[in-house]
Amino acid sequence: MDLSACTGCSACVVSCQAENNIPSVGRDEVLRRRDMHWMRIDRYYQGDEANPQVVHQPMMCQHCENAPCETVCPVLATVHSSEGLNQQVYNRCVGTRYCANNCPTKVRRFNWFDYEHAEPLERMVLNPDVVVRSRGVMEKCSMCVQRIQESKAAANREGRPLRDGDIQTACQQSCPAKAIHFGDVNDPDSQVARLAKDGRAFRLLEELNIGSSITYLTKIRNTGSGSGT
């Protein structure tokens, strides 16, 4: 996530909602803090109140290596995959919400109601590659795992390994500023591996030792003197 490139336009949030069949819950539920978006745009302000400087920070599941949500789930509904993804197994989840309470970045969502698309025309808006979740389960960013599997299957059919750039998440694909990058951090030649070694790179809440898999590049501003801050 390049914070210097991000403009806070929320195109990533909208594309994530469309790609992953995330329901629109309505104004009243949002006021109760029951929104379902898997991504949000955090905004930080500094400077003069009349003319503050703003930093936009896209926030989704950090897919922590030492995920606090995994240790508290009584039914192992949230587990870590061999590829570094923090996975949510919907048919195991019983809705205790322990994981949401233990998540330091507060990016997990509880589905309070059934948002069914009963009419055939309504169901046409759904992505057939993503399951429609039922009431009472936790949801969160999956790093568009359906796209990961699709790209892996395509590479397997062609008899070749995955190439850097084969997989694009929905948020990455829709970002007009190209602020989002996705790839294999274990591949030293991949773009994300090079960016993770950038001098601007940082990860969230490192003091908690959660081992976030998401790397942010801090925002650089050009001042009037020509120097960056």
Protein backbone atom coordinates (compact mmCIF):
# COMPACT_ATOMS: atom_id res chain seq x y z
CA MET A 1 0.00 0.00 0.00
CA ASP A 2 1.67 3.18 -1.20
CA LEU A 3 0.25 5.99 0.93
CA SER A 4 1.91 8.60 -1.28
CA ALA A 5 -0.16 7.37 -4.23
CA CYS A 6 -3.47 6.79 -2.40
CA THR A 7 -5.98 9.60 -2.88
CA GLY A 8 -8.71 8.15 -0.64
CA CYS A 9 -11.15 7.80 -3.55
CA SER A 10 -12.64 4.55 -2.10
CA ALA A 11 -12.66 2.78 -5.48
CA CYS A 12 -11.01 -0.17 -3.71
CA VAL A 13 -13.84 -0.32 -1.15
CA VAL A 14 -16.52 -0.36 -3.85
CA SER A 15 -14.74 -2.97 -5.97
CA CYS A 16 -14.21 -5.19 -2.93
CA GLN A 17 -17.92 -4.98 -2.14
CA ALA A 18 -18.90 -5.93 -5.69
CA GLU A 19 -16.33 -8.70 -6.05
CA ASN A 20 -17.05 -10.46 -2.75
CA ASN A 21 -20.85 -10.21 -2.53
CA ILE A 22 -20.70 -7.91 0.49
CA PRO A 23 -24.20 -6.68 1.41
CA SER A 24 -25.24 -3.05 1.62
CA VAL A 25 -26.77 -2.87 5.08
CA GLY A 26 -28.35 0.58 4.95
CA ARG A 27 -27.98 3.79 6.91
CA ASP A 28 -29.56 2.60 10.16
CA GLU A 29 -27.24 -0.41 10.45
CA VAL A 30 -24.20 1.71 9.63
CA LEU A 31 -25.18 4.09 12.44
CA ARG A 32 -25.14 1.01 14.72
CA ARG A 33 -21.61 0.28 13.44
CA ARG A 34 -22.81 -2.83 11.66
CA ASP A 35 -21.30 -1.97 8.30
CA MET A 36 -20.02 -4.95 6.33
CA HIS A 37 -17.28 -3.47 4.14
CA TRP A 38 -14.15 -5.62 4.20
CA MET A 39 -12.06 -2.53 3.46
CA ARG A 40 -12.17 0.95 4.92
CA ILE A 41 -10.22 4.14 4.35
CA ASP A 42 -8.74 5.54 7.56
CA ARG A 43 -7.97 9.26 7.49
CA TYR A 44 -5.38 11.01 9.63
CA TYR A 45 -5.14 14.79 9.97
CA GLN A 46 -2.33 17.07 11.07
CA GLY A 47 -1.54 20.76 11.05
CA ASP A 48 -3.87 23.75 11.02
CA GLU A 49 -7.51 22.86 11.76
CA ALA A 50 -8.68 25.27 9.05
CA ASN A 51 -6.41 23.70 6.44
CA PRO A 52 -5.18 20.32 7.70
CA GLN A 53 -2.95 17.87 5.89
CA VAL A 54 -4.60 14.50 5.31
CA VAL A 55 -3.17 11.00 5.00
CA HIS A 56 -5.43 8.26 3.60
CA GLN A 57 -4.70 4.70 4.71
CA PRO A 58 -6.62 1.76 3.21
CA MET A 59 -7.26 -0.80 5.90
CA MET A 60 -8.22 -4.45 5.51
CA CYS A 61 -7.36 -7.74 7.20
CA GLN A 62 -3.60 -7.70 7.74
CA HIS A 63 -3.34 -11.52 7.43
CA CYS A 64 -1.10 -11.59 10.47
CA GLU A 65 1.49 -14.32 10.88
CA ASN A 66 0.76 -14.30 14.64
CA ALA A 67 -2.93 -13.57 14.25
CA PRO A 68 -4.65 -12.76 17.58
CA CYS A 69 -8.00 -13.82 16.10
CA GLU A 70 -6.85 -17.40 15.51
CA THR A 71 -5.94 -18.14 19.11
CA VAL A 72 -9.36 -17.25 20.54
CA CYS A 73 -11.70 -19.00 18.09
CA PRO A 74 -13.27 -21.97 19.91
CA VAL A 75 -14.20 -23.80 16.69
CA LEU A 76 -11.10 -23.10 14.54
CA ALA A 77 -13.15 -21.10 12.08
CA THR A 78 -10.22 -18.77 11.43
CA VAL A 79 -7.01 -20.54 10.46
CA HIS A 80 -3.70 -19.79 8.77
CA SER A 81 -2.93 -21.29 5.38
CA SER A 82 0.45 -22.46 4.12
CA GLU A 83 0.46 -19.51 1.73
CA GLY A 84 0.21 -16.94 4.51
CA LEU A 85 -3.51 -16.19 4.25
CA ASN A 86 -5.68 -15.84 7.31
CA GLN A 87 -8.71 -17.85 6.21
CA GLN A 88 -12.28 -17.71 7.48
CA VAL A 89 -14.17 -21.03 7.35
CA TYR A 90 -17.78 -19.88 7.24
CA ASN A 91 -19.46 -23.24 7.88
CA ARG A 92 -17.51 -23.64 11.14
CA CYS A 93 -18.21 -20.16 12.51
CA VAL A 94 -20.77 -19.98 15.29
CA GLY A 95 -20.63 -16.20 15.67
CA THR A 96 -18.97 -15.82 19.07
CA ARG A 97 -17.22 -12.66 17.79
CA TYR A 98 -14.20 -13.42 19.97
CA CYS A 99 -12.03 -12.89 16.89
CA ALA A 100 -13.45 -9.42 16.27
CA ASN A 101 -12.86 -8.46 19.90
CA ASN A 102 -9.26 -9.69 19.70
CA CYS A 103 -8.44 -8.06 16.36
CA PRO A 104 -6.20 -5.01 17.01
CA THR A 105 -7.04 -3.42 13.63
CA LYS A 106 -10.82 -4.04 13.90
CA VAL A 107 -11.30 -5.33 10.36
CA ARG A 108 -13.58 -8.30 10.98
CA ARG A 109 -17.33 -8.01 10.32
CA PHE A 110 -20.27 -9.83 11.90
CA ASN A 111 -23.22 -10.56 9.65
CA TRP A 112 -26.24 -9.60 11.73
CA PHE A 113 -28.94 -10.39 9.18
CA ASP A 114 -29.64 -12.43 6.07
CA TYR A 115 -29.34 -10.20 3.04
CA GLU A 116 -30.82 -12.61 0.54
CA HIS A 117 -31.30 -11.98 -3.16
CA ALA A 118 -34.50 -13.94 -3.63
CA GLU A 119 -35.42 -12.66 -7.09
CA PRO A 120 -33.54 -14.07 -10.11
CA LEU A 121 -32.72 -10.57 -11.34
CA GLU A 122 -31.34 -9.66 -7.92
CA ARG A 123 -29.05 -12.67 -7.97
CA MET A 124 -27.52 -11.51 -11.23
CA VAL A 125 -25.49 -8.94 -9.30
CA LEU A 126 -23.71 -11.67 -7.31
CA ASN A 127 -20.26 -12.99 -8.17
CA PRO A 128 -20.77 -16.74 -8.78
CA ASP A 129 -17.19 -17.47 -7.65
CA VAL A 130 -17.84 -16.22 -4.10
CA VAL A 131 -20.21 -17.80 -1.59
CA VAL A 132 -23.04 -15.66 -0.16
CA ARG A 133 -22.63 -15.72 3.59
CA SER A 134 -25.51 -16.36 5.96
CA ARG A 135 -26.53 -14.58 9.13
CA GLY A 136 -24.41 -15.04 12.23
CA VAL A 137 -20.94 -15.55 10.78
CA MET A 138 -17.78 -13.45 10.78
CA GLU A 139 -16.46 -12.09 7.50
CA LYS A 140 -13.28 -10.31 6.43
CA CYS A 141 -10.88 -9.69 3.56
CA SER A 142 -9.80 -12.94 1.89
CA MET A 143 -7.23 -11.31 -0.45
CA CYS A 144 -9.66 -12.37 -3.22
CA VAL A 145 -8.73 -16.02 -2.71
CA GLN A 146 -11.00 -16.97 -5.61
CA ARG A 147 -8.75 -14.97 -7.94
CA ILE A 148 -5.66 -16.59 -6.46
CA GLN A 149 -7.04 -20.08 -7.10
CA GLU A 150 -8.20 -19.13 -10.60
CA SER A 151 -4.75 -17.86 -11.55
CA LYS A 152 -3.06 -20.92 -10.06
CA ALA A 153 -5.38 -23.20 -12.05
CA ALA A 154 -4.70 -21.27 -15.27
CA ALA A 155 -0.93 -21.52 -14.74
CA ASN A 156 -1.26 -25.24 -14.02
CA ARG A 157 -3.20 -25.80 -17.25
CA GLU A 158 -0.49 -24.00 -19.18
CA GLY A 159 2.22 -26.04 -17.44
CA ARG A 160 4.09 -23.08 -15.99
CA PRO A 161 4.67 -21.51 -12.58
CA LEU A 162 2.80 -18.42 -11.49
CA ARG A 163 4.35 -15.21 -12.77
CA ASP A 164 4.56 -11.99 -10.84
CA GLY A 165 1.48 -9.98 -11.76
CA ASP A 166 -0.68 -12.98 -12.70
CA ILE A 167 -2.89 -12.35 -9.67
CA GLN A 168 -4.68 -9.06 -9.19
CA THR A 169 -7.00 -8.50 -6.27
CA ALA A 170 -10.20 -6.53 -6.89
CA CYS A 171 -8.94 -3.53 -4.93
CA GLN A 172 -5.66 -3.53 -6.81
CA GLN A 173 -7.34 -3.79 -10.19
CA SER A 174 -9.67 -0.87 -9.52
CA CYS A 175 -7.18 1.52 -7.91
CA PRO A 176 -6.74 4.45 -10.35
CA ALA A 177 -3.53 5.58 -8.61
CA LYS A 178 -1.89 2.11 -8.66
CA ALA A 179 -1.35 2.41 -4.92
CA ILE A 180 -2.01 -1.29 -4.23
CA HIS A 181 0.37 -4.12 -5.12
CA PHE A 182 -0.04 -7.86 -4.59
CA GLY A 183 2.34 -10.75 -5.05
CA ASP A 184 4.64 -13.33 -3.50
CA VAL A 185 6.87 -11.69 -0.90
CA ASN A 186 9.01 -14.86 -0.80
CA ASP A 187 10.02 -14.25 -4.42
CA PRO A 188 12.94 -11.78 -4.20
CA ASP A 189 12.32 -10.66 -7.78
CA SER A 190 8.64 -9.81 -7.23
CA GLN A 191 7.47 -6.22 -7.05
CA VAL A 192 6.06 -6.56 -3.54
CA ALA A 193 9.32 -8.06 -2.24
CA ARG A 194 11.27 -5.09 -3.61
CA LEU A 195 8.76 -2.59 -2.20
CA ALA A 196 8.86 -4.30 1.22
CA LYS A 197 12.58 -3.45 1.40
CA ASP A 198 11.98 0.19 0.53
CA GLY A 199 13.13 2.76 3.06
CA ARG A 200 9.53 3.99 3.38
CA ALA A 201 8.16 0.55 4.30
CA PHE A 202 6.47 -0.10 7.63
CA ARG A 203 3.97 -2.54 9.08
CA LEU A 204 1.17 -1.93 11.52
CA LEU A 205 1.50 -2.46 15.27
CA GLU A 206 4.90 -4.12 15.11
CA GLU A 207 5.19 -3.66 18.88
CA LEU A 208 2.35 -6.20 19.30
CA ASN A 209 4.27 -8.82 17.28
CA ILE A 210 1.22 -9.67 15.16
CA GLY A 211 3.41 -10.16 12.07
CA SER A 212 1.28 -8.23 9.59
CA SER A 213 1.62 -9.42 5.99
CA ILE A 214 0.64 -6.00 4.63
CA THR A 215 3.41 -3.47 4.06
CA TYR A 216 2.64 0.23 3.87
CA LEU A 217 4.87 2.83 2.24
CA THR A 218 4.77 6.03 4.26
CA LYS A 219 3.51 9.21 2.64
CA ILE A 220 6.03 11.72 1.33
CA ARG A 221 5.12 15.38 0.95
CA ASN A 222 7.00 17.92 -1.13
CA THR A 223 7.42 21.15 0.80
CA GLY A 224 7.97 24.59 -0.68
CA SER A 225 11.73 24.31 -0.20
CA GLY A 226 11.83 21.23 -2.40
CA SER A 227 12.59 18.80 0.42
CA GLY A 228 10.33 15.86 1.32
CA THR A 229 8.69 15.36 4.71
